Amino acid sequence: MKGGISYKSSVNRTLHVLYLLTMNGGPMDLKQMIVRVYGFLLNDNGEILISDEFHYGMRMRKLPGGGLQLGEGTAQTLRRELMEEMEVDLLPSKLVHTTASFIRSVFNPAHQVMGVYYHVPVQDGNLISRFKLEQAAACKNGDVFFRWSRVGELNPLDFTFPMDQEAWMVFKGQYDSGLFT
């Protein structure tokens, strides 16, 4: 075989790939799987709630949500996180997206991250008026600001992390097809 490696079996090829992944800092160096659950909180005005946050010395834009804890289902996690972050009891209605590709944590390279995204309808006028459309300036570690953004004015690059960008494209396609009306 010219310019390549010839394998006697698929097992040999698999072992070689695993070896290369280990040598190149691939999945073999991982220590933990982190499951994050987020919500596309969509109101009747065609706006979703965005979270502007500052953690680990980094400004980030993402969706409301957080980490799965042992003993929780993903919908329970999102409901708990929304209660903790915003003091609202909202029910996720539809699973929108689950991460399909390998994602290494930006904050800890020994962690793999998986994202689960739900549509969460918001019809509570008090919640809608609690957050403004303009952007807040997150400035110190731990700061979190929520704001409404019009679905039609957002694009994937408005989100900090590739995992959220991928989920946004799926949500936007479903939104544009009228799935949430």
Protein backbone atom coordinates (compact mmCIF):
# COMPACT_ATOMS: atom_id res chain seq x y z
CA MET A 1 0.00 0.00 0.00
CA LYS A 2 1.61 3.24 -1.15
CA GLY A 3 1.78 6.11 1.40
CA GLY A 4 -0.41 4.46 4.04
CA ILE A 5 -0.62 1.72 6.62
CA SER A 6 -1.92 -1.71 5.78
CA TYR A 7 -3.86 -3.52 8.54
CA LYS A 8 -4.38 -7.26 8.71
CA SER A 9 -7.67 -6.84 10.57
CA SER A 10 -10.11 -4.19 11.75
CA VAL A 11 -8.99 -4.97 15.33
CA ASN A 12 -5.42 -3.96 14.47
CA ARG A 13 -6.68 -0.75 12.89
CA THR A 14 -8.83 0.05 15.95
CA LEU A 15 -5.92 -0.57 18.31
CA HIS A 16 -3.69 1.68 16.23
CA VAL A 17 -6.29 4.47 16.22
CA LEU A 18 -6.67 4.18 20.01
CA TYR A 19 -2.88 4.34 20.37
CA LEU A 20 -2.71 7.46 18.20
CA LEU A 21 -5.51 9.10 20.20
CA THR A 22 -3.63 8.39 23.42
CA MET A 23 -0.39 9.79 22.01
CA ASN A 24 -2.11 12.92 20.68
CA GLY A 25 -4.09 13.79 23.80
CA GLY A 26 -7.31 12.26 22.51
CA PRO A 27 -10.18 10.75 24.46
CA MET A 28 -7.95 8.23 26.25
CA ASP A 29 -6.70 10.97 28.62
CA LEU A 30 -10.18 11.83 29.87
CA LYS A 31 -11.10 11.41 33.52
CA GLN A 32 -14.74 12.53 33.72
CA MET A 33 -17.91 13.02 31.68
CA ILE A 34 -19.83 16.22 32.45
CA VAL A 35 -23.48 16.48 31.35
CA ARG A 36 -24.80 20.03 30.98
CA VAL A 37 -28.50 20.73 30.46
CA TYR A 38 -29.72 23.99 28.94
CA GLY A 39 -33.00 25.56 27.98
CA PHE A 40 -34.16 27.57 25.01
CA LEU A 41 -36.63 29.66 27.05
CA LEU A 42 -38.88 31.00 24.33
CA ASN A 43 -41.55 33.64 24.95
CA ASP A 44 -44.56 34.58 22.80
CA ASN A 45 -42.65 37.59 21.43
CA GLY A 46 -40.18 35.35 19.55
CA GLU A 47 -37.37 35.95 22.06
CA ILE A 48 -35.16 33.52 23.95
CA LEU A 49 -33.44 34.13 27.25
CA ILE A 50 -29.65 34.47 27.00
CA SER A 51 -27.22 34.20 29.89
CA ASP A 52 -24.20 36.54 29.88
CA GLU A 53 -21.72 35.20 32.42
CA PHE A 54 -18.20 35.75 33.66
CA HIS A 55 -16.39 32.71 35.09
CA TYR A 56 -12.75 31.62 35.29
CA GLY A 57 -11.67 35.06 34.04
CA MET A 58 -13.69 34.57 30.86
CA ARG A 59 -16.77 36.32 29.53
CA MET A 60 -19.24 33.90 27.99
CA ARG A 61 -22.66 33.94 26.38
CA LYS A 62 -24.79 30.84 26.71
CA LEU A 63 -28.25 29.60 27.65
CA PRO A 64 -29.73 29.19 31.14
CA GLY A 65 -29.00 25.81 32.66
CA GLY A 66 -26.29 23.85 34.40
CA GLY A 67 -24.83 20.53 35.40
CA LEU A 68 -26.58 17.22 35.91
CA GLN A 69 -26.28 15.83 39.43
CA LEU A 70 -26.34 12.13 40.33
CA GLY A 71 -29.90 10.86 40.69
CA GLU A 72 -31.41 13.47 38.35
CA GLY A 73 -32.90 13.14 34.92
CA THR A 74 -32.05 15.84 32.39
CA ALA A 75 -35.46 17.57 32.56
CA GLN A 76 -35.22 17.59 36.38
CA THR A 77 -31.76 19.15 36.13
CA LEU A 78 -32.99 21.98 33.96
CA ARG A 79 -35.99 22.64 36.19
CA ARG A 80 -33.72 22.76 39.28
CA GLU A 81 -31.20 25.02 37.57
CA LEU A 82 -33.90 27.48 36.47
CA MET A 83 -35.21 27.59 40.03
CA GLU A 84 -31.70 28.18 41.43
CA GLU A 85 -30.66 30.77 38.84
CA MET A 86 -33.90 32.69 38.30
CA GLU A 87 -36.32 31.55 41.01
CA VAL A 88 -38.84 30.30 38.44
CA ASP A 89 -40.49 26.91 38.12
CA LEU A 90 -40.67 26.15 34.40
CA LEU A 91 -41.14 22.79 32.73
CA PRO A 92 -39.07 21.74 29.72
CA SER A 93 -41.47 20.71 26.96
CA LYS A 94 -39.44 19.24 24.12
CA LEU A 95 -35.95 17.84 23.73
CA VAL A 96 -34.32 19.95 21.01
CA HIS A 97 -30.78 18.62 20.75
CA THR A 98 -28.16 16.38 22.34
CA THR A 99 -24.49 16.84 21.52
CA ALA A 100 -23.46 14.30 18.92
CA SER A 101 -19.75 15.02 18.69
CA PHE A 102 -16.82 14.78 21.08
CA ILE A 103 -16.41 17.99 23.11
CA ARG A 104 -13.50 18.54 25.49
CA SER A 105 -14.12 20.98 28.33
CA VAL A 106 -12.60 24.41 27.83
CA PHE A 107 -12.05 24.65 31.58
CA ASN A 108 -10.58 21.20 32.30
CA PRO A 109 -8.99 19.21 29.45
CA ALA A 110 -9.47 15.95 31.41
CA HIS A 111 -13.27 16.35 31.12
CA GLN A 112 -15.56 15.54 28.24
CA VAL A 113 -18.75 17.61 28.04
CA MET A 114 -22.12 16.59 26.65
CA GLY A 115 -24.96 19.07 26.20
CA VAL A 116 -28.68 18.39 26.36
CA TYR A 117 -31.00 21.19 25.17
CA TYR A 118 -34.73 21.62 25.76
CA HIS A 119 -37.39 24.01 24.53
CA VAL A 120 -39.00 25.74 27.53
CA PRO A 121 -42.11 27.80 26.74
CA VAL A 122 -42.43 31.01 28.77
CA GLN A 123 -45.84 32.62 29.08
CA ASP A 124 -45.34 34.30 32.45
CA GLY A 125 -45.53 38.07 31.84
CA ASN A 126 -43.69 38.76 35.10
CA LEU A 127 -40.71 36.68 33.99
CA ILE A 128 -40.73 38.28 30.56
CA SER A 129 -40.66 41.80 32.00
CA ARG A 130 -37.99 40.89 34.58
CA PHE A 131 -35.26 40.73 31.96
CA LYS A 132 -34.47 43.38 29.39
CA LEU A 133 -33.52 43.13 25.73
CA GLU A 134 -30.25 44.98 26.12
CA GLN A 135 -26.97 43.35 27.02
CA ALA A 136 -25.58 43.61 30.54
CA ALA A 137 -21.84 44.02 31.04
CA ALA A 138 -20.62 41.01 33.02
CA CYS A 139 -17.40 42.08 34.67
CA LYS A 140 -16.25 39.91 37.59
CA ASN A 141 -16.11 36.18 38.31
CA GLY A 142 -19.52 34.84 39.21
CA ASP A 143 -21.55 37.58 37.51
CA VAL A 144 -24.58 36.30 35.62
CA PHE A 145 -27.03 38.49 33.69
CA PHE A 146 -30.10 37.33 31.80
CA ARG A 147 -31.62 39.13 28.83
CA TRP A 148 -34.12 38.44 26.08
CA SER A 149 -32.86 38.28 22.51
CA ARG A 150 -34.96 38.10 19.36
CA VAL A 151 -34.58 34.72 17.68
CA GLY A 152 -34.35 36.32 14.23
CA GLU A 153 -31.42 38.52 15.27
CA LEU A 154 -29.19 35.79 16.70
CA ASN A 155 -26.67 33.64 14.90
CA PRO A 156 -24.48 30.74 16.09
CA LEU A 157 -21.44 32.95 16.70
CA ASP A 158 -23.40 34.93 19.30
CA PHE A 159 -22.79 31.95 21.60
CA THR A 160 -19.36 31.38 23.13
CA PHE A 161 -19.07 27.62 22.97
CA PRO A 162 -19.23 25.37 19.88
CA MET A 163 -21.61 23.02 21.69
CA ASP A 164 -24.13 25.87 22.11
CA GLN A 165 -23.56 27.06 18.55
CA GLU A 166 -24.44 23.58 17.24
CA ALA A 167 -27.57 23.45 19.43
CA TRP A 168 -28.59 26.95 18.29
CA MET A 169 -28.55 25.87 14.64
CA VAL A 170 -30.82 22.92 15.44
CA PHE A 171 -33.19 25.09 17.50
CA LYS A 172 -33.29 27.83 14.85
CA GLY A 173 -34.16 25.29 12.15
CA GLN A 174 -36.99 23.93 14.28
CA TYR A 175 -38.16 27.45 15.15
CA ASP A 176 -38.15 28.52 11.49
CA SER A 177 -40.16 25.42 10.54
CA GLY A 178 -42.90 26.45 13.01
CA LEU A 179 -42.30 23.63 15.47
CA PHE A 180 -42.77 25.88 18.52
CA THR A 181 -45.91 27.77 17.46
